[in-house]
Amino acid sequence: SGSTSNMVSLAILASAMLFLPGCGYFKDRHHIEVGSIPDDYRTTHPISLAEQDEHLDVLVGAGDKHISLAQKSVIQGFVAQYMSNGSGPVQILLPQGGTNSAAAKRVHQDIVSALRKGGVSAGYIITTSYAPPTSDGANPVRISYRALAASTTPCGKWPEDLAQDTENKHYADFGCSYQNNLAAMIANPADLLGPRAMTQVDAAKRGAVIKTYQTPTVTAGTDVSY
């Protein structure tokens, strides 16, 4: 009976050992499957293009009759941005019912002149009004247009405790601020869709470079003593 008991124990042990490699196999396979999930901040926080409102607020006092030189310069910069990224109409929204509504109408023509001088055609300038949230204070005259803008997902997501993470992978918020800053710095968001066409070659500059390359230069030799 002793020998029979020993044989049964050996058989059970052998069966258990057969299952051990299987458990290890599935464990490793599960680790590989989890590791196959994209772990890249460009995939987690992709930069996408969408139409957004670009606007400029021009503050107008109740006694103003014209816009200042500083405001005109800011509007010119805004128009340059529109000429680069926008193609639709430009809206001028005048506050209605506020303390400076009359002054906003007075400076309206100055704003239109600045837009026309920057290259916006008269047919693309649309003037409308809006109801300000309060009747007190200097409600701004808003200039706006719609254009493609680059943006990504909002930052600040921390779904897991990094102290408990043993995988040494990118966390959820990793690279989010970098992607947001990169999207904000792109001058022309359309560049993300494809490269621009090459500009024409400057023939005069090319000829001068080739002439300089083909003309040998004579330099005085120097003796080096060792």
Protein backbone atom coordinates (compact mmCIF):
# COMPACT_ATOMS: atom_id res chain seq x y z
CA SER A 1 0.00 0.00 0.00
CA GLY A 2 2.96 2.29 0.69
CA SER A 3 4.33 1.86 -2.81
CA THR A 4 0.88 2.44 -4.29
CA SER A 5 0.52 5.68 -2.30
CA ASN A 6 3.89 6.88 -3.51
CA MET A 7 2.97 6.16 -7.13
CA VAL A 8 -0.28 8.14 -6.79
CA SER A 9 1.60 11.09 -5.30
CA LEU A 10 4.11 11.01 -8.15
CA ALA A 11 1.31 10.96 -10.70
CA ILE A 12 -0.39 13.99 -9.12
CA LEU A 13 2.91 15.87 -8.98
CA ALA A 14 3.62 15.09 -12.62
CA SER A 15 0.17 16.36 -13.64
CA ALA A 16 0.69 19.59 -11.73
CA MET A 17 4.04 20.12 -13.42
CA LEU A 18 2.37 19.78 -16.81
CA PHE A 19 0.08 22.73 -16.03
CA LEU A 20 2.87 25.02 -14.82
CA PRO A 21 4.35 25.79 -18.27
CA GLY A 22 0.85 26.52 -19.51
CA CYS A 23 0.23 29.13 -16.82
CA GLY A 24 3.56 30.76 -17.54
CA TYR A 25 2.78 30.79 -21.25
CA PHE A 26 -0.53 32.56 -20.81
CA LYS A 27 1.03 35.03 -18.38
CA ASP A 28 3.76 35.97 -20.85
CA ARG A 29 1.27 36.14 -23.66
CA HIS A 30 -0.94 38.51 -21.69
CA HIS A 31 2.08 40.74 -21.05
CA ILE A 32 2.86 40.80 -24.78
CA GLU A 33 -0.72 41.65 -25.68
CA VAL A 34 -0.80 44.54 -23.21
CA GLY A 35 2.56 45.74 -24.50
CA SER A 36 1.21 45.80 -28.06
CA ILE A 37 -1.15 48.69 -27.19
CA PRO A 38 0.25 51.94 -28.73
CA ASP A 39 2.41 53.70 -26.17
CA ASP A 40 3.19 56.95 -27.99
CA TYR A 41 2.26 60.49 -26.98
CA ARG A 42 1.55 61.30 -30.64
CA THR A 43 -1.11 58.58 -30.64
CA THR A 44 -2.45 59.41 -27.19
CA HIS A 45 -2.59 63.17 -27.86
CA PRO A 46 -2.84 63.57 -31.65
CA ILE A 47 -2.81 67.00 -33.24
CA SER A 48 -5.96 67.54 -35.31
CA LEU A 49 -7.19 70.35 -37.55
CA ALA A 50 -10.59 71.98 -37.14
CA GLU A 51 -12.25 75.29 -37.92
CA GLN A 52 -12.12 77.70 -35.03
CA ASP A 53 -12.95 81.35 -34.45
CA GLU A 54 -9.97 83.69 -34.47
CA HIS A 55 -10.87 87.03 -32.93
CA LEU A 56 -9.40 90.34 -31.85
CA ASP A 57 -11.02 92.64 -29.28
CA VAL A 58 -10.53 96.39 -29.79
CA LEU A 59 -11.25 98.34 -26.62
CA VAL A 60 -13.14 101.56 -27.24
CA GLY A 61 -13.80 104.27 -24.66
CA ALA A 62 -17.08 106.17 -24.51
CA GLY A 63 -15.37 109.35 -25.70
CA ASP A 64 -13.20 107.88 -28.46
CA LYS A 65 -13.63 109.19 -31.98
CA HIS A 66 -10.83 107.27 -33.68
CA ILE A 67 -8.70 104.22 -32.96
CA SER A 68 -5.19 104.84 -31.70
CA LEU A 69 -1.98 104.14 -33.60
CA ALA A 70 -1.27 101.19 -31.30
CA GLN A 71 -4.70 99.69 -32.01
CA LYS A 72 -4.21 100.21 -35.74
CA SER A 73 -0.90 98.34 -35.55
CA VAL A 74 -2.55 95.44 -33.71
CA ILE A 75 -5.31 95.28 -36.32
CA GLN A 76 -2.72 95.22 -39.10
CA GLY A 77 -1.05 92.23 -37.45
CA PHE A 78 -4.42 90.50 -37.15
CA VAL A 79 -5.13 91.16 -40.84
CA ALA A 80 -1.75 89.66 -41.78
CA GLN A 81 -2.69 86.53 -39.86
CA TYR A 82 -6.03 86.42 -41.69
CA MET A 83 -4.37 86.76 -45.09
CA SER A 84 -2.14 83.81 -44.22
CA ASN A 85 -4.69 81.41 -42.70
CA GLY A 86 -8.19 82.69 -43.49
CA SER A 87 -10.23 82.94 -46.66
CA GLY A 88 -13.80 83.62 -45.53
CA PRO A 89 -15.56 86.78 -44.40
CA VAL A 90 -14.30 89.02 -41.62
CA GLN A 91 -16.93 90.08 -39.09
CA ILE A 92 -16.95 93.31 -37.10
CA LEU A 93 -19.22 93.01 -34.05
CA LEU A 94 -20.26 96.31 -32.49
CA PRO A 95 -21.61 96.43 -28.90
CA GLN A 96 -25.23 97.53 -28.78
CA GLY A 97 -26.81 99.13 -25.73
CA GLY A 98 -23.61 99.79 -23.78
CA THR A 99 -22.11 103.05 -22.63
CA ASN A 100 -19.63 103.01 -25.50
CA SER A 101 -21.98 101.86 -28.28
CA ALA A 102 -21.95 105.33 -29.90
CA ALA A 103 -18.15 105.46 -29.80
CA ALA A 104 -17.96 101.98 -31.34
CA LYS A 105 -19.99 103.24 -34.31
CA ARG A 106 -17.66 106.22 -34.65
CA VAL A 107 -14.49 104.12 -34.83
CA HIS A 108 -16.11 101.52 -37.10
CA GLN A 109 -14.94 103.25 -40.26
CA ASP A 110 -11.35 103.36 -38.97
CA ILE A 111 -11.46 99.58 -38.41
CA VAL A 112 -12.86 99.01 -41.90
CA SER A 113 -10.11 101.20 -43.39
CA ALA A 114 -7.44 99.22 -41.54
CA LEU A 115 -8.90 95.95 -42.83
CA ARG A 116 -9.07 97.25 -46.40
CA LYS A 117 -5.50 98.53 -46.19
CA GLY A 118 -4.37 95.09 -45.06
CA GLY A 119 -5.84 93.43 -48.14
CA VAL A 120 -9.37 92.40 -47.12
CA SER A 121 -11.84 93.19 -49.91
CA ALA A 122 -14.95 95.19 -49.10
CA GLY A 123 -17.26 92.30 -49.97
CA TYR A 124 -15.68 90.14 -47.25
CA ILE A 125 -16.24 92.65 -44.43
CA ILE A 126 -19.52 92.07 -42.56
CA THR A 127 -20.65 94.38 -39.75
CA THR A 128 -23.07 93.07 -37.13
CA SER A 129 -23.89 93.86 -33.50
CA TYR A 130 -23.99 91.94 -30.26
CA ALA A 131 -25.60 92.44 -26.87
CA PRO A 132 -22.88 92.99 -24.25
CA PRO A 133 -23.19 91.12 -20.94
CA THR A 134 -23.31 94.39 -19.01
CA SER A 135 -24.18 97.94 -19.99
CA ASP A 136 -21.34 99.33 -17.87
CA GLY A 137 -17.71 99.41 -18.87
CA ALA A 138 -15.93 99.61 -22.22
CA ASN A 139 -17.30 96.69 -24.20
CA PRO A 140 -14.89 95.82 -27.03
CA VAL A 141 -15.43 95.85 -30.77
CA ARG A 142 -14.71 92.29 -31.85
CA ILE A 143 -13.12 91.40 -35.19
CA SER A 144 -13.35 87.72 -36.04
CA TYR A 145 -12.98 85.17 -38.83
CA ARG A 146 -13.00 81.39 -39.09
CA ALA A 147 -9.89 79.47 -40.07
CA LEU A 148 -8.20 76.11 -39.67
CA ALA A 149 -6.47 75.75 -36.33
CA ALA A 150 -4.35 72.97 -34.86
CA SER A 151 -5.26 71.60 -31.45
CA THR A 152 -5.05 68.45 -29.38
CA THR A 153 -6.70 66.87 -26.36
CA PRO A 154 -6.93 68.81 -23.08
CA CYS A 155 -4.28 68.08 -20.47
CA GLY A 156 -4.60 67.16 -16.81
CA LYS A 157 -5.79 63.57 -16.94
CA TRP A 158 -4.26 61.37 -14.21
CA PRO A 159 -6.38 58.19 -14.04
CA GLU A 160 -3.68 56.06 -12.40
CA ASP A 161 -1.27 56.39 -9.51
CA LEU A 162 2.25 56.49 -10.96
CA ALA A 163 3.65 55.15 -7.70
CA GLN A 164 1.82 51.88 -8.35
CA ASP A 165 2.90 51.58 -11.99
CA THR A 166 5.57 48.94 -12.62
CA GLU A 167 5.35 48.82 -16.42
CA ASN A 168 7.60 51.87 -16.97
CA LYS A 169 5.36 53.16 -19.76
CA HIS A 170 4.11 56.58 -20.75
CA TYR A 171 1.45 57.81 -18.37
CA ALA A 172 -1.85 59.26 -19.62
CA ASP A 173 -0.77 62.92 -19.54
CA PHE A 174 2.70 62.31 -20.95
CA GLY A 175 3.47 64.60 -23.91
CA CYS A 176 0.17 66.47 -23.68
CA SER A 177 1.66 69.91 -22.94
CA TYR A 178 4.32 69.37 -25.63
CA GLN A 179 1.67 68.59 -28.25
CA ASN A 180 -0.41 71.61 -27.20
CA ASN A 181 2.61 73.93 -27.43
CA LEU A 182 3.57 72.50 -30.82
CA ALA A 183 0.03 73.01 -32.14
CA ALA A 184 0.02 76.60 -30.87
CA MET A 185 3.37 77.41 -32.54
CA ILE A 186 2.41 76.19 -36.03
CA ALA A 187 2.09 79.30 -38.18
CA ASN A 188 0.09 77.61 -40.94
CA PRO A 189 -1.86 74.54 -39.75
CA ALA A 190 -2.28 73.40 -43.37
CA ASP A 191 1.42 72.47 -43.32
CA LEU A 192 0.43 69.41 -41.27
CA LEU A 193 -1.51 68.08 -44.26
CA GLY A 194 1.38 68.25 -46.70
CA PRO A 195 4.43 70.23 -47.80
CA ARG A 196 4.15 73.46 -49.76
CA ALA A 197 5.27 73.78 -53.37
CA MET A 198 8.81 74.97 -53.99
CA THR A 199 9.27 78.62 -54.88
CA GLN A 200 10.87 79.81 -58.10
CA VAL A 201 14.65 79.72 -58.28
CA ASP A 202 16.43 83.09 -58.12
CA ALA A 203 18.37 82.94 -61.39
CA ALA A 204 20.70 85.81 -60.52
CA LYS A 205 21.60 84.32 -57.17
CA ARG A 206 22.10 80.89 -58.68
CA GLY A 207 24.41 82.30 -61.35
CA ALA A 208 26.50 84.13 -58.76
CA VAL A 209 26.89 80.97 -56.66
CA ILE A 210 27.91 78.88 -59.68
CA LYS A 211 30.41 81.54 -60.80
CA THR A 212 31.95 81.63 -57.33
CA TYR A 213 32.19 77.83 -57.31
CA GLN A 214 33.82 77.65 -60.75
CA THR A 215 36.31 80.47 -60.14
CA PRO A 216 39.38 79.09 -58.36
CA THR A 217 40.67 81.08 -55.46
CA VAL A 218 44.39 81.45 -54.89
CA THR A 219 45.47 81.48 -51.29
CA ALA A 220 48.99 82.13 -50.02
CA GLY A 221 50.58 79.00 -48.65
CA THR A 222 51.80 78.91 -45.12
CA ASP A 223 54.60 76.85 -43.72
CA VAL A 224 53.78 74.81 -40.68
CA SER A 225 56.65 73.97 -38.38
CA TYR A 226 56.38 70.93 -36.15
